[in-house]
Protein backbone atom coordinates (compact mmCIF):
# COMPACT_ATOMS: atom_id res chain seq x y z
CA UNK A 1 25.63 73.31 70.22
CA UNK A 2 27.46 76.64 70.61
CA UNK A 3 25.87 79.88 69.43
CA UNK A 4 28.68 80.27 66.87
CA UNK A 5 28.00 76.79 65.44
CA UNK A 6 24.26 77.54 65.34
CA UNK A 7 24.94 80.70 63.38
CA UNK A 8 27.13 78.82 60.88
CA UNK A 9 24.42 76.18 60.42
CA UNK A 10 21.76 78.84 59.84
CA UNK A 11 23.92 80.57 57.24
CA UNK A 12 24.60 77.27 55.51
CA UNK A 13 20.92 76.43 55.54
CA UNK A 14 19.90 79.82 54.12
CA UNK A 15 22.61 79.62 51.45
CA UNK A 16 21.34 76.19 50.40
CA UNK A 17 17.79 77.52 50.13
CA UNK A 18 18.93 80.50 48.05
CA UNK A 19 20.83 78.23 45.69
CA UNK A 20 17.80 75.92 45.54
CA UNK A 21 15.52 78.80 44.52
CA UNK A 22 18.07 80.11 42.02
CA UNK A 23 17.94 76.67 40.50
CA UNK A 24 14.18 77.10 40.17
CA UNK A 25 14.60 80.49 38.51
CA UNK A 26 17.01 79.29 35.80
CA UNK A 27 15.09 76.08 35.11
CA UNK A 28 13.20 77.69 32.25
CA UNK A 29 16.35 77.96 30.14
CA UNK A 30 17.42 74.35 30.68
CA UNK A 31 16.75 71.74 28.01
CA UNK A 32 13.66 69.61 28.44
CA UNK A 33 15.67 66.39 28.66
CA UNK A 34 17.46 67.10 31.91
CA UNK A 35 17.52 63.68 33.56
CA UNK A 36 16.81 60.04 33.07
CA UNK A 37 15.44 57.35 35.34
CA UNK A 38 17.92 55.02 37.01
CA UNK A 39 15.29 52.29 37.38
CA UNK A 40 16.25 50.43 34.20
CA UNK A 41 19.93 50.19 35.20
CA UNK A 42 19.00 48.79 38.62
CA UNK A 43 16.51 46.28 37.24
CA UNK A 44 18.88 45.08 34.53
CA UNK A 45 21.48 44.25 37.15
CA UNK A 46 19.03 42.85 39.72
CA UNK A 47 17.26 40.57 37.22
CA UNK A 48 20.11 39.55 34.91
CA UNK A 49 23.36 40.54 36.71
CA UNK A 50 24.42 42.70 33.78
CA UNK A 51 25.10 46.38 33.19
CA UNK A 52 25.95 48.42 30.09
CA UNK A 53 28.85 50.34 31.62
CA UNK A 54 31.12 50.11 34.65
CA UNK A 55 29.48 53.22 36.15
CA UNK A 56 26.04 51.60 35.75
CA UNK A 57 27.35 48.50 37.49
CA UNK A 58 28.71 50.50 40.42
CA UNK A 59 25.47 52.50 40.72
CA UNK A 60 23.21 49.42 40.63
CA UNK A 61 25.30 47.55 43.21
CA UNK A 62 25.30 50.55 45.52
CA UNK A 63 21.52 50.93 45.34
CA UNK A 64 20.82 47.23 45.90
CA UNK A 65 23.31 46.90 48.76
CA UNK A 66 21.15 48.86 51.17
CA UNK A 67 18.82 51.80 51.71
CA UNK A 68 20.14 55.38 51.45
CA UNK A 69 21.26 57.14 54.62
CA UNK A 70 18.68 59.39 56.25
CA UNK A 71 18.76 61.82 59.15
CA UNK A 72 15.02 62.32 59.40
CA UNK A 73 11.71 61.80 57.67
CA UNK A 74 8.30 63.37 57.16
CA UNK A 75 5.26 61.14 57.65
CA UNK A 76 2.29 61.54 55.32
CA UNK A 77 -1.06 62.09 57.02
CA UNK A 78 -2.94 60.93 53.91
CA UNK A 79 -1.25 57.69 52.81
CA UNK A 80 1.33 55.20 54.14
CA UNK A 81 4.34 57.18 52.89
CA UNK A 82 7.54 58.34 54.55
CA UNK A 83 9.83 60.83 52.84
CA UNK A 84 13.39 60.61 54.20
CA UNK A 85 16.13 63.21 53.89
CA UNK A 86 19.89 62.99 54.51
CA UNK A 87 20.25 66.34 56.23
CA UNK A 88 18.07 69.16 57.50
CA UNK A 89 19.14 71.21 54.45
CA UNK A 90 16.80 69.10 52.33
CA UNK A 91 13.78 69.05 54.63
CA UNK A 92 11.98 71.68 52.52
CA UNK A 93 12.61 69.65 49.38
CA UNK A 94 11.37 66.53 51.21
CA UNK A 95 8.11 68.33 51.99
CA UNK A 96 7.69 69.22 48.33
CA UNK A 97 8.45 65.67 47.20
CA UNK A 98 6.04 64.19 49.75
CA UNK A 99 3.24 66.46 48.49
CA UNK A 100 3.86 65.26 44.91
CA UNK A 101 3.92 61.61 46.01
CA UNK A 102 0.61 62.12 47.83
CA UNK A 103 -0.86 63.72 44.71
CA UNK A 104 0.49 60.82 42.66
CA UNK A 105 -1.11 58.27 45.01
CA UNK A 106 -4.43 60.09 44.76
CA UNK A 107 -4.39 60.25 40.97
CA UNK A 108 -2.51 57.13 39.88
CA UNK A 109 -3.94 54.70 42.45
CA UNK A 110 -7.36 56.03 43.46
CA UNK A 111 -8.33 57.65 40.15
CA UNK A 112 -6.38 55.84 37.41
CA UNK A 113 -6.67 52.41 39.04
CA UNK A 114 -3.07 51.19 39.36
CA UNK A 115 -2.31 48.80 42.23
CA UNK A 116 -1.29 50.55 45.46
CA UNK A 117 2.26 50.11 46.80
CA UNK A 118 2.23 46.98 48.98
CA UNK A 119 3.76 46.84 52.50
CA UNK A 120 7.55 46.87 52.15
CA UNK A 121 8.38 44.04 54.58
CA UNK A 122 9.16 46.40 57.47
CA UNK A 123 12.18 48.15 55.98
CA UNK A 124 13.36 51.36 57.64
CA UNK A 125 11.00 51.00 60.57
CA UNK A 126 7.59 50.58 58.92
CA UNK A 127 5.64 48.99 56.06
CA UNK A 128 5.15 52.42 54.48
CA UNK A 129 6.44 53.37 51.03
CA UNK A 130 9.87 54.90 51.64
CA UNK A 131 10.94 57.85 49.52
CA UNK A 132 14.48 59.23 49.84
CA UNK A 133 16.05 62.54 48.90
CA UNK A 134 19.51 61.41 47.82
CA UNK A 135 22.63 62.58 46.01
CA UNK A 136 22.63 60.66 42.72
CA UNK A 137 25.03 60.47 39.75
CA UNK A 138 24.83 63.34 37.28
CA UNK A 139 21.89 62.99 34.92
CA UNK A 140 19.96 60.54 37.12
CA UNK A 141 16.76 62.17 38.34
CA UNK A 142 15.55 59.28 40.46
CA UNK A 143 14.90 55.56 40.63
CA UNK A 144 12.62 52.91 42.04
CA UNK A 145 14.26 49.77 43.41
CA UNK A 146 13.15 46.28 44.42
CA UNK A 147 12.62 45.60 48.13
CA UNK A 148 10.87 42.23 48.39
CA UNK A 149 8.33 40.00 46.67
CA UNK A 150 4.83 39.77 48.10
CA UNK A 151 4.52 36.05 48.83
CA UNK A 152 0.88 36.24 49.87
CA UNK A 153 -0.29 37.04 46.32
CA UNK A 154 -0.28 34.86 43.18
CA UNK A 155 1.49 37.44 40.99
CA UNK A 156 5.15 38.36 40.51
CA UNK A 157 4.53 41.57 42.42
CA UNK A 158 7.07 43.37 44.57
CA UNK A 159 7.41 46.17 47.07
CA UNK A 160 9.82 48.98 46.24
CA UNK A 161 11.40 52.10 47.59
CA UNK A 162 12.15 55.20 45.53
CA UNK A 163 14.74 57.94 45.55
CA UNK A 164 14.80 61.43 44.06
CA UNK A 165 17.93 63.40 43.23
CA UNK A 166 18.65 66.30 45.59
CA UNK A 167 19.93 68.26 42.56
CA UNK A 168 16.63 68.40 40.66
CA UNK A 169 15.18 71.81 39.91
CA UNK A 170 11.48 72.54 40.08
CA UNK A 171 11.19 72.19 36.29
CA UNK A 172 11.87 68.46 36.57
CA UNK A 173 10.77 67.67 40.13
CA UNK A 174 7.09 66.89 39.49
CA UNK A 175 7.87 64.77 36.47
CA UNK A 176 10.65 62.82 38.18
CA UNK A 177 8.57 62.05 41.27
CA UNK A 178 5.46 60.98 39.34
CA UNK A 179 7.62 58.92 36.95
CA UNK A 180 9.39 56.97 39.72
CA UNK A 181 6.17 56.54 41.71
CA UNK A 182 4.60 54.91 38.67
CA UNK A 183 7.53 52.46 38.60
CA UNK A 184 6.64 51.56 42.18
CA UNK A 185 3.07 50.82 41.10
CA UNK A 186 4.27 48.79 38.11
CA UNK A 187 6.34 46.60 40.42
CA UNK A 188 3.25 46.11 42.57
CA UNK A 189 1.57 44.55 39.52
CA UNK A 190 4.36 42.81 37.58
CA UNK A 191 7.98 43.36 38.56
CA UNK A 192 9.20 41.34 35.56
CA UNK A 193 7.44 43.32 32.83
CA UNK A 194 9.53 44.55 29.89
CA UNK A 195 11.52 47.64 30.89
CA UNK A 196 10.55 49.53 27.72
CA UNK A 197 6.88 49.19 28.62
CA UNK A 198 7.73 50.31 32.14
CA UNK A 199 9.51 53.44 30.93
CA UNK A 200 6.87 54.40 28.37
CA UNK A 201 4.14 53.93 31.00
CA UNK A 202 5.93 56.01 33.64
CA UNK A 203 6.53 58.78 31.08
CA UNK A 204 2.89 58.65 29.97
CA UNK A 205 1.70 58.77 33.60
CA UNK A 206 3.63 61.93 34.42
CA UNK A 207 2.00 63.71 31.48
CA UNK A 208 -1.43 62.30 32.33
CA UNK A 209 -1.10 63.87 35.78
CA UNK A 210 0.48 67.17 34.74
CA UNK A 211 -0.59 67.62 31.14
CA UNK A 212 0.66 71.17 30.81
CA UNK A 213 4.22 70.32 31.84
CA UNK A 214 4.84 68.45 28.57
CA UNK A 215 8.19 67.11 29.76
CA UNK A 216 7.83 64.17 27.37
CA UNK A 217 8.29 66.55 24.43
CA UNK A 218 12.04 66.36 24.93
CA UNK A 219 12.02 62.61 24.34
CA UNK A 220 10.07 62.65 21.07
CA UNK A 221 12.88 63.33 18.61
CA UNK A 222 14.72 60.11 19.44
CA UNK A 223 11.50 58.13 19.05
CA UNK A 224 10.13 59.73 15.89
CA UNK A 225 13.53 59.73 14.13
CA UNK A 226 13.79 55.95 14.50
CA UNK A 227 10.40 54.60 13.37
CA UNK A 228 12.03 51.43 12.00
CA UNK A 229 13.05 50.32 15.49
CA UNK A 230 10.75 47.78 17.20
CA UNK A 231 8.19 48.97 19.72
CA UNK A 232 9.95 47.08 22.52
CA UNK A 233 13.39 48.57 21.75
CA UNK A 234 15.39 49.72 24.77
CA UNK A 235 18.11 52.15 23.77
CA UNK A 236 21.13 53.14 25.83
CA UNK A 237 22.12 55.77 23.27
CA UNK A 238 19.02 57.98 23.30
CA UNK A 239 15.55 58.43 24.86
CA UNK A 240 13.60 56.14 22.52
CA UNK A 241 11.78 54.19 25.26
CA UNK A 242 10.62 57.42 26.94
CA UNK A 243 9.33 58.89 23.67
CA UNK A 244 7.39 55.65 23.11
CA UNK A 245 4.94 57.03 25.67
CA UNK A 246 3.01 58.49 22.73
CA UNK A 247 1.83 54.96 21.93
CA UNK A 248 0.02 54.95 25.27
CA UNK A 249 -1.32 58.46 24.59
CA UNK A 250 -2.73 57.01 21.36
CA UNK A 251 -4.34 54.03 23.13
CA UNK A 252 -5.85 56.25 25.81
CA UNK A 253 -7.15 58.93 23.44
CA UNK A 254 -8.37 56.74 20.58
CA UNK A 255 -9.89 53.89 22.56
CA UNK A 256 -10.92 55.28 25.92
CA UNK A 257 -11.54 58.98 25.42
CA UNK A 258 -8.37 60.05 27.23
CA UNK A 259 -8.93 57.95 30.35
CA UNK A 260 -6.29 55.72 31.91
CA UNK A 261 -8.47 52.60 31.94
CA UNK A 262 -7.01 50.92 28.86
CA UNK A 263 -3.42 51.29 30.12
CA UNK A 264 -4.27 49.91 33.55
CA UNK A 265 -6.16 47.01 31.93
CA UNK A 266 -3.06 46.09 29.92
CA UNK A 267 -0.94 46.13 33.06
CA UNK A 268 -3.39 43.91 34.90
CA UNK A 269 -3.33 41.44 32.02
CA UNK A 270 0.49 41.36 32.04
CA UNK A 271 0.73 39.91 35.55
CA UNK A 272 2.15 36.41 35.98
CA UNK A 273 3.38 34.34 38.93
CA UNK A 274 6.84 33.59 37.54
CA UNK A 275 10.20 35.30 37.24
CA UNK A 276 10.11 35.38 33.45
CA UNK A 277 7.98 37.77 31.50
CA UNK A 278 5.15 35.78 29.95
CA UNK A 279 2.83 37.35 29.00
CA UNK A 280 4.67 40.53 28.08
CA UNK A 281 2.87 43.68 27.00
CA UNK A 282 3.00 42.78 23.30
CA UNK A 283 1.51 39.36 24.09
CA UNK A 284 -1.35 41.16 25.82
CA UNK A 285 -1.88 43.55 22.90
CA UNK A 286 -1.94 40.64 20.45
CA UNK A 287 -4.24 38.33 22.41
CA UNK A 288 -6.50 40.90 24.03
CA UNK A 289 -6.70 43.68 21.44
CA UNK A 290 -10.42 43.17 20.75
CA UNK A 291 -11.04 43.48 24.49
CA UNK A 292 -8.93 46.54 25.17
CA UNK A 293 -10.10 48.24 21.96
CA UNK A 294 -13.75 47.82 22.95
CA UNK A 295 -14.24 45.09 20.37
CA UNK A 296 -13.17 47.31 17.49
CA UNK A 297 -9.75 46.33 16.27
CA UNK A 298 -7.25 43.52 16.00
CA UNK A 299 -3.63 44.15 16.97
CA UNK A 300 -2.85 44.80 13.30
CA UNK A 301 -5.69 47.33 13.01
CA UNK A 302 -4.52 49.01 16.19
CA UNK A 303 -0.92 49.46 15.03
CA UNK A 304 -1.99 50.54 11.55
CA UNK A 305 -4.15 53.28 13.04
CA UNK A 306 -1.25 54.26 15.27
CA UNK A 307 0.94 54.56 12.18
CA UNK A 308 -1.45 57.22 10.89
CA UNK A 309 -1.48 59.11 14.20
CA UNK A 310 2.30 59.28 14.31
CA UNK A 311 2.25 61.10 10.96
CA UNK A 312 -0.35 63.72 11.96
CA UNK A 313 1.63 65.95 14.33
CA UNK A 314 3.44 69.26 14.31
CA UNK A 315 2.65 71.20 11.13
CA UNK A 316 0.46 68.27 10.00
CA UNK A 317 -1.68 68.35 13.14
CA UNK A 318 -5.42 68.56 12.42
CA UNK A 319 -6.78 68.90 15.95
CA UNK A 320 -8.46 65.48 16.09
CA UNK A 321 -5.51 63.17 16.78
CA UNK A 322 -2.89 63.60 19.52
CA UNK A 323 -4.26 66.24 21.88
CA UNK A 324 -0.84 67.91 22.08
CA UNK A 325 0.21 66.99 18.54
CA UNK A 326 0.18 70.57 17.30
CA UNK A 327 2.47 71.63 20.16
CA UNK A 328 5.22 69.10 19.57
CA UNK A 329 8.60 70.80 19.09
CA UNK A 330 10.38 71.11 15.77
CA UNK A 331 12.07 67.88 14.81
CA UNK A 332 9.49 65.68 16.53
CA UNK A 333 7.51 64.98 13.36
CA UNK A 334 7.85 61.51 11.88
CA UNK A 335 11.00 61.04 9.85
CA UNK A 336 10.20 59.61 6.36
CA UNK A 337 12.55 56.91 5.15
CA UNK A 338 12.09 57.87 1.48
CA UNK A 339 10.52 60.93 -0.18
CA UNK A 340 9.23 60.85 -3.78
CA UNK A 341 8.08 63.76 -5.94
CA UNK A 342 4.86 63.11 -7.86
CA UNK A 343 5.10 66.25 -9.98
CA UNK A 344 7.70 64.70 -12.29
CA UNK A 345 7.87 61.24 -13.82
CA UNK A 346 6.62 58.41 -11.68
CA UNK A 347 9.43 57.24 -9.38
CA UNK A 348 10.93 53.77 -9.75
CA UNK A 349 9.66 51.17 -7.28
CA UNK A 350 10.52 52.30 -3.77
CA UNK A 351 12.35 50.05 -1.32
CA UNK A 352 13.10 51.12 2.25
CA UNK A 353 16.51 52.41 3.21
CA UNK A 354 15.88 51.39 6.82
CA UNK A 355 13.56 48.39 6.60
CA UNK A 356 11.31 48.04 9.66
CA UNK A 357 12.11 45.52 12.36
CA UNK A 358 9.42 43.31 13.88
CA UNK A 359 6.82 45.71 15.30
CA UNK A 360 8.63 48.58 13.64
CA UNK A 361 7.37 51.22 11.20
CA UNK A 362 8.51 52.83 7.97
CA UNK A 363 7.20 55.97 6.25
CA UNK A 364 7.34 57.01 2.61
CA UNK A 365 6.43 60.63 1.83
CA UNK A 366 4.95 61.61 -1.55
CA UNK A 367 5.05 65.36 -2.26
CA UNK A 368 3.17 67.44 -4.86
CA UNK A 369 0.23 65.06 -5.35
CA UNK A 370 -1.98 68.00 -6.40
CA UNK A 371 0.11 68.47 -9.57
CA UNK A 372 -0.81 65.05 -10.97
CA UNK A 373 -3.00 65.12 -14.07
CA UNK A 374 -4.55 61.71 -13.39
CA UNK A 375 -5.54 59.30 -10.68
CA UNK A 376 -2.78 57.45 -8.85
CA UNK A 377 -2.40 53.84 -7.79
CA UNK A 378 -0.05 52.76 -5.01
CA UNK A 379 0.83 49.07 -4.99
CA UNK A 380 2.40 47.41 -1.97
CA UNK A 381 4.29 44.13 -2.01
CA UNK A 382 5.95 42.79 1.12
CA UNK A 383 7.37 39.60 2.55
CA UNK A 384 4.36 37.22 2.45
CA UNK A 385 5.53 35.42 5.60
CA UNK A 386 4.89 38.55 7.63
CA UNK A 387 1.68 40.38 8.46
CA UNK A 388 1.73 44.00 7.31
CA UNK A 389 -0.30 47.11 7.88
CA UNK A 390 -0.39 49.98 5.36
CA UNK A 391 -2.13 53.33 5.77
CA UNK A 392 -2.12 56.39 3.50
CA UNK A 393 -2.47 59.76 5.21
CA UNK A 394 -3.57 62.71 3.09
CA UNK A 395 -2.17 65.88 4.66
CA UNK A 396 -4.80 68.54 4.05
CA UNK A 397 -3.72 71.91 5.45
CA UNK A 398 -6.61 74.08 6.47
CA UNK A 399 -9.05 71.19 6.82
CA UNK A 400 -10.64 70.00 10.04
CA UNK A 401 -9.32 66.47 9.63
CA UNK A 402 -7.06 64.46 7.41
CA UNK A 403 -8.24 61.58 5.27
CA UNK A 404 -6.66 58.23 6.10
CA UNK A 405 -7.01 55.13 3.95
CA UNK A 406 -6.05 51.66 5.08
CA UNK A 407 -4.87 49.37 2.32
CA UNK A 408 -6.45 45.92 2.31
CA UNK A 409 -3.71 43.29 1.99
CA UNK A 410 -3.79 39.65 0.90
CA UNK A 411 -0.62 37.60 1.28
CA UNK A 412 1.55 40.68 1.61
CA UNK A 413 0.08 42.39 -1.48
CA UNK A 414 -2.39 45.23 -1.87
CA UNK A 415 -3.23 48.24 -4.01
CA UNK A 416 -4.93 51.58 -3.37
CA UNK A 417 -6.45 53.84 -6.02
CA UNK A 418 -6.40 57.58 -5.28
CA UNK A 419 -8.69 59.75 -7.38
CA UNK A 420 -7.37 62.93 -8.99
CA UNK A 421 -9.93 65.02 -7.13
CA UNK A 422 -8.71 63.50 -3.87
CA UNK A 423 -5.10 64.23 -4.75
CA UNK A 424 -5.92 67.82 -5.69
CA UNK A 425 -6.87 68.49 -2.07
CA UNK A 426 -3.76 66.90 -0.56
CA UNK A 427 -0.68 68.91 0.32
CA UNK A 428 1.31 65.70 0.56
CA UNK A 429 0.86 62.01 1.24
CA UNK A 430 2.49 59.95 3.96
CA UNK A 431 2.37 56.18 3.55
CA UNK A 432 2.90 54.37 6.85
CA UNK A 433 3.98 50.72 6.77
CA UNK A 434 3.97 48.47 9.86
CA UNK A 435 5.89 45.21 10.13
CA UNK A 436 3.41 43.20 12.19
CA UNK A 437 5.93 40.40 12.59
CA UNK A 438 5.95 36.67 12.08
CA UNK A 439 3.96 34.88 14.77
CA UNK A 440 7.02 33.13 16.23
CA UNK A 441 8.78 36.33 17.29
CA UNK A 442 8.91 37.16 21.01
CA UNK A 443 10.47 40.43 22.21
CA UNK A 444 11.54 38.76 25.47
CA UNK A 445 14.11 36.81 23.46
CA UNK A 446 16.22 39.93 23.86
CA UNK A 447 16.59 40.80 20.18
CA UNK A 448 15.18 43.48 17.89
CA UNK A 449 13.75 40.83 15.57
CA UNK A 450 14.23 40.89 11.81
CA UNK A 451 14.11 43.70 9.29
CA UNK A 452 11.60 43.02 6.51
CA UNK A 453 11.68 44.62 3.07
CA UNK A 454 8.81 45.75 0.87
CA UNK A 455 8.22 47.55 -2.42
CA UNK A 456 5.91 50.49 -3.15
CA UNK A 457 5.06 51.14 -6.80
CA UNK A 458 3.42 54.41 -7.93
CA UNK A 459 1.48 54.47 -11.23
CA UNK A 460 -0.71 56.97 -13.03
CA UNK A 461 -4.23 55.63 -13.67
CA UNK A 462 -7.31 56.63 -15.64
CA UNK A 463 -10.50 56.13 -13.69
CA UNK A 464 -13.93 57.58 -13.07
CA UNK A 465 -13.82 57.03 -9.32
CA UNK A 466 -14.59 59.92 -7.08
CA UNK A 467 -13.58 61.46 -3.84
CA UNK A 468 -15.33 60.11 -0.78
CA UNK A 469 -14.67 61.82 2.54
CA UNK A 470 -16.53 61.96 5.79
CA UNK A 471 -16.41 63.60 9.17
CA UNK A 472 -17.76 61.81 12.21
CA UNK A 473 -19.63 63.98 14.69
CA UNK A 474 -18.50 63.13 18.25
CA UNK A 475 -21.12 61.69 20.57
CA UNK A 476 -21.33 64.30 23.30
CA UNK A 477 -24.55 63.57 25.15
CA UNK A 478 -27.57 61.28 24.93
CA UNK A 479 -30.37 62.51 22.73
CA UNK A 480 -28.18 64.84 20.67
CA UNK A 481 -28.25 64.72 16.89
CA UNK A 482 -25.54 62.50 15.44
CA UNK A 483 -24.71 62.69 11.77
CA UNK A 484 -22.43 61.44 9.07
CA UNK A 485 -21.32 63.91 6.41
CA UNK A 486 -20.21 62.81 2.96
CA UNK A 487 -18.20 64.90 0.53
CA UNK A 488 -17.21 63.78 -2.94
CA UNK A 489 -16.22 64.90 -6.39
CA UNK A 490 -17.16 62.99 -9.54
CA UNK A 491 -15.07 62.77 -12.68
CA UNK A 492 -16.84 60.12 -14.72
CA UNK A 493 -19.68 60.17 -17.25
CA UNK A 494 -23.11 61.54 -16.35
CA UNK A 495 -25.29 58.97 -14.61
CA UNK A 496 -25.83 57.87 -11.05
CA UNK A 497 -23.92 56.23 -8.24
CA UNK A 498 -25.20 54.04 -5.41
CA UNK A 499 -24.02 55.03 -1.96
CA UNK A 500 -24.16 52.12 0.49
CA UNK A 501 -23.70 52.81 4.17
CA UNK A 502 -23.68 50.40 7.09
CA UNK A 503 -23.25 51.03 10.79
CA UNK A 504 -21.34 48.38 12.77
CA UNK A 505 -22.11 48.06 16.48
CA UNK A 506 -20.40 45.31 18.47
CA UNK A 507 -19.84 43.20 15.36
CA UNK A 508 -23.36 43.57 13.95
CA UNK A 509 -24.10 45.51 10.76
CA UNK A 510 -27.11 47.80 10.45
CA UNK A 511 -28.00 49.40 7.09
CA UNK A 512 -28.34 53.16 7.08
CA UNK A 513 -30.76 53.06 4.14
CA UNK A 514 -33.51 50.45 3.75
CA UNK A 515 -36.53 49.78 1.58
CA UNK A 516 -40.13 49.37 2.76
CA UNK A 517 -39.34 45.86 3.96
CA UNK A 518 -36.33 46.90 5.99
CA UNK A 519 -33.86 45.42 3.54
CA UNK A 520 -30.59 47.25 2.78
CA UNK A 521 -30.64 49.58 -0.20
CA UNK A 522 -28.34 52.35 -1.44
CA UNK A 523 -28.85 56.07 -1.51
CA UNK A 524 -29.04 56.83 -5.25
CA UNK A 525 -27.19 60.03 -6.19
CA UNK A 526 -27.43 61.54 -9.73
CA UNK A 527 -23.97 62.63 -10.90
CA UNK A 528 -22.37 64.53 -13.74
CA UNK A 529 -18.78 65.24 -14.70
CA UNK A 530 -17.11 67.76 -12.40
CA UNK A 531 -19.92 67.57 -9.86
CA UNK A 532 -19.09 68.05 -6.18
CA UNK A 533 -21.32 67.49 -3.18
CA UNK A 534 -20.92 68.22 0.49
CA UNK A 535 -23.93 67.46 2.62
CA UNK A 536 -25.07 65.41 5.60
CA UNK A 537 -26.42 62.07 4.41
CA UNK A 538 -27.55 60.66 7.72
CA UNK A 539 -28.75 62.12 11.02
CA UNK A 540 -30.33 60.44 14.01
CA UNK A 541 -30.88 60.88 17.73
CA UNK A 542 -28.54 59.00 20.04
CA UNK A 543 -30.51 57.29 22.83
CA UNK A 544 -29.35 57.14 26.44
CA UNK A 545 -27.02 54.15 26.89
CA UNK A 546 -25.61 52.27 29.87
CA UNK A 547 -22.22 51.37 28.38
CA UNK A 548 -19.76 52.59 25.74
CA UNK A 549 -20.76 51.95 22.14
CA UNK A 550 -18.01 51.40 19.58
CA UNK A 551 -19.20 52.70 16.21
CA UNK A 552 -17.73 51.88 12.81
CA UNK A 553 -19.02 53.05 9.46
CA UNK A 554 -18.69 51.01 6.26
CA UNK A 555 -19.28 53.03 3.10
CA UNK A 556 -19.21 51.90 -0.49
CA UNK A 557 -19.75 53.78 -3.73
CA UNK A 558 -20.88 51.82 -6.81
CA UNK A 559 -21.58 52.73 -10.43
CA UNK A 560 -23.27 50.21 -12.72
CA UNK A 561 -22.57 47.48 -10.21
CA UNK A 562 -18.82 48.18 -10.12
CA UNK A 563 -17.27 49.11 -6.79
CA UNK A 564 -15.60 52.47 -7.26
CA UNK A 565 -14.50 53.21 -3.74
CA UNK A 566 -14.79 51.57 -0.35
CA UNK A 567 -13.71 52.91 2.98
CA UNK A 568 -14.17 52.24 6.66
CA UNK A 569 -14.03 54.78 9.44
CA UNK A 570 -15.02 55.08 13.05
CA UNK A 571 -15.90 57.88 15.39
CA UNK A 572 -13.13 59.68 17.24
CA UNK A 573 -15.02 59.81 20.51
CA UNK A 574 -16.64 56.89 22.31
CA UNK A 575 -18.26 57.99 25.54
CA UNK A 576 -20.36 56.51 28.31
CA UNK A 577 -23.91 57.83 28.59
CA UNK A 578 -26.18 57.46 31.58
């Protein structure tokens, strides 16, 4: 090479690096949603020979026709990974990408527990995972693509290669690499799993690794503004399936203390040795919910609790639900289908404008509950052929936690009674309704399912029930005091109420209060009109344990043998103690 040509190459290389760094500098002013994964487009074509647009078709065919061109590669010294680049201009970027892939392998495989990338059948000179720096269509940040099935295993697992766009700025680079690497791991467990579950998992994984990046924030509006859509919906018009990652945040935070174990367990249970997706992720959630929820909840319980979590974000955040819920951007709060004002006359029966599809949600907001001069009943009536979940969230600004009430339903009907004292403390109410589907529905049929209607009826009531709230103290270490606090207001005649409290551990009930013979008995509380009480009613030492303990409280308040209020709650933190 002549000296003149060398000089030109050096100038070109330096210019590319300057432009690359300028891209880093302006990244902060770019929108959060700067790219999407090309994996879904490729898989749709590879599995079903279809594509949504002509450009998608061309892109998928090009990817599946052969590996990207590469001039050189960098070999990892930690894991079987090769990062290839098309020209020397992108060697520095290849080094950065390789470091992120190595970090991803360490965290997602060795720490989280996903299956490692299998040998890739000798493509491009080795069995290593091949990663390419490649020029991709505008808006595509990267992709993971099928290489070969692993015939030596009994699952529908596959080896993959991945590519990252050479146009990505540093703002998106970590997220794109960790996202596509997770797709590689998914294929190593179940290549045929539903693409929506794949995208929500990959989006969740990138935030699990780099929590402070919060790139998933940009996907939340599309998800939260369409609660009626089914959980398995894959949208080509917005980022719904990426925003659905918050469902996995919920599972991880509520059931496994923020760890990845519950998500990996679901993936392991999804594996099958066939080229059709049975079981899919919703099958696993339905059939294995008691297992993955540590014996606590059915699938219906799980989704009903999730309905409450989706409503407690942004300005409604109380610090004990989504760990980033208070940081979500404006517009990412749940979008109510109908809003009613309780300060005027009671509204006519409410029917949804956008009725929820199978495994979809609907929210009805009730504002000004504190202006009511009486108790309030909310009656639900839905299609009896469908299972439903209903939860009422009391938004209580300035309080450490919101009160949530699940409505008990029989044959699609149920009613909840809300005391005036309870309403006086609520800034607003959000009623979350979940269409838990008819049993015959299968999301792998390729449809959104059916929309199901319901009716909510609001009525003023006269009652002498009282407010019953509690705050669970998190279990932080063995031997520490653990207590249950009760807070209530009483609006009936002077007398007494019986407070019954049971602790449920692994399906067995233990009374909190007993007589001399060990038989259950209530805590008798003298009451008078207008009385309020806030005090701990139960404290005990938590012994050292060898496994997680799921704890659920059952509390009932009776007066003269009549049940005035009944609620169930559970602790927000289940930990392992040694």
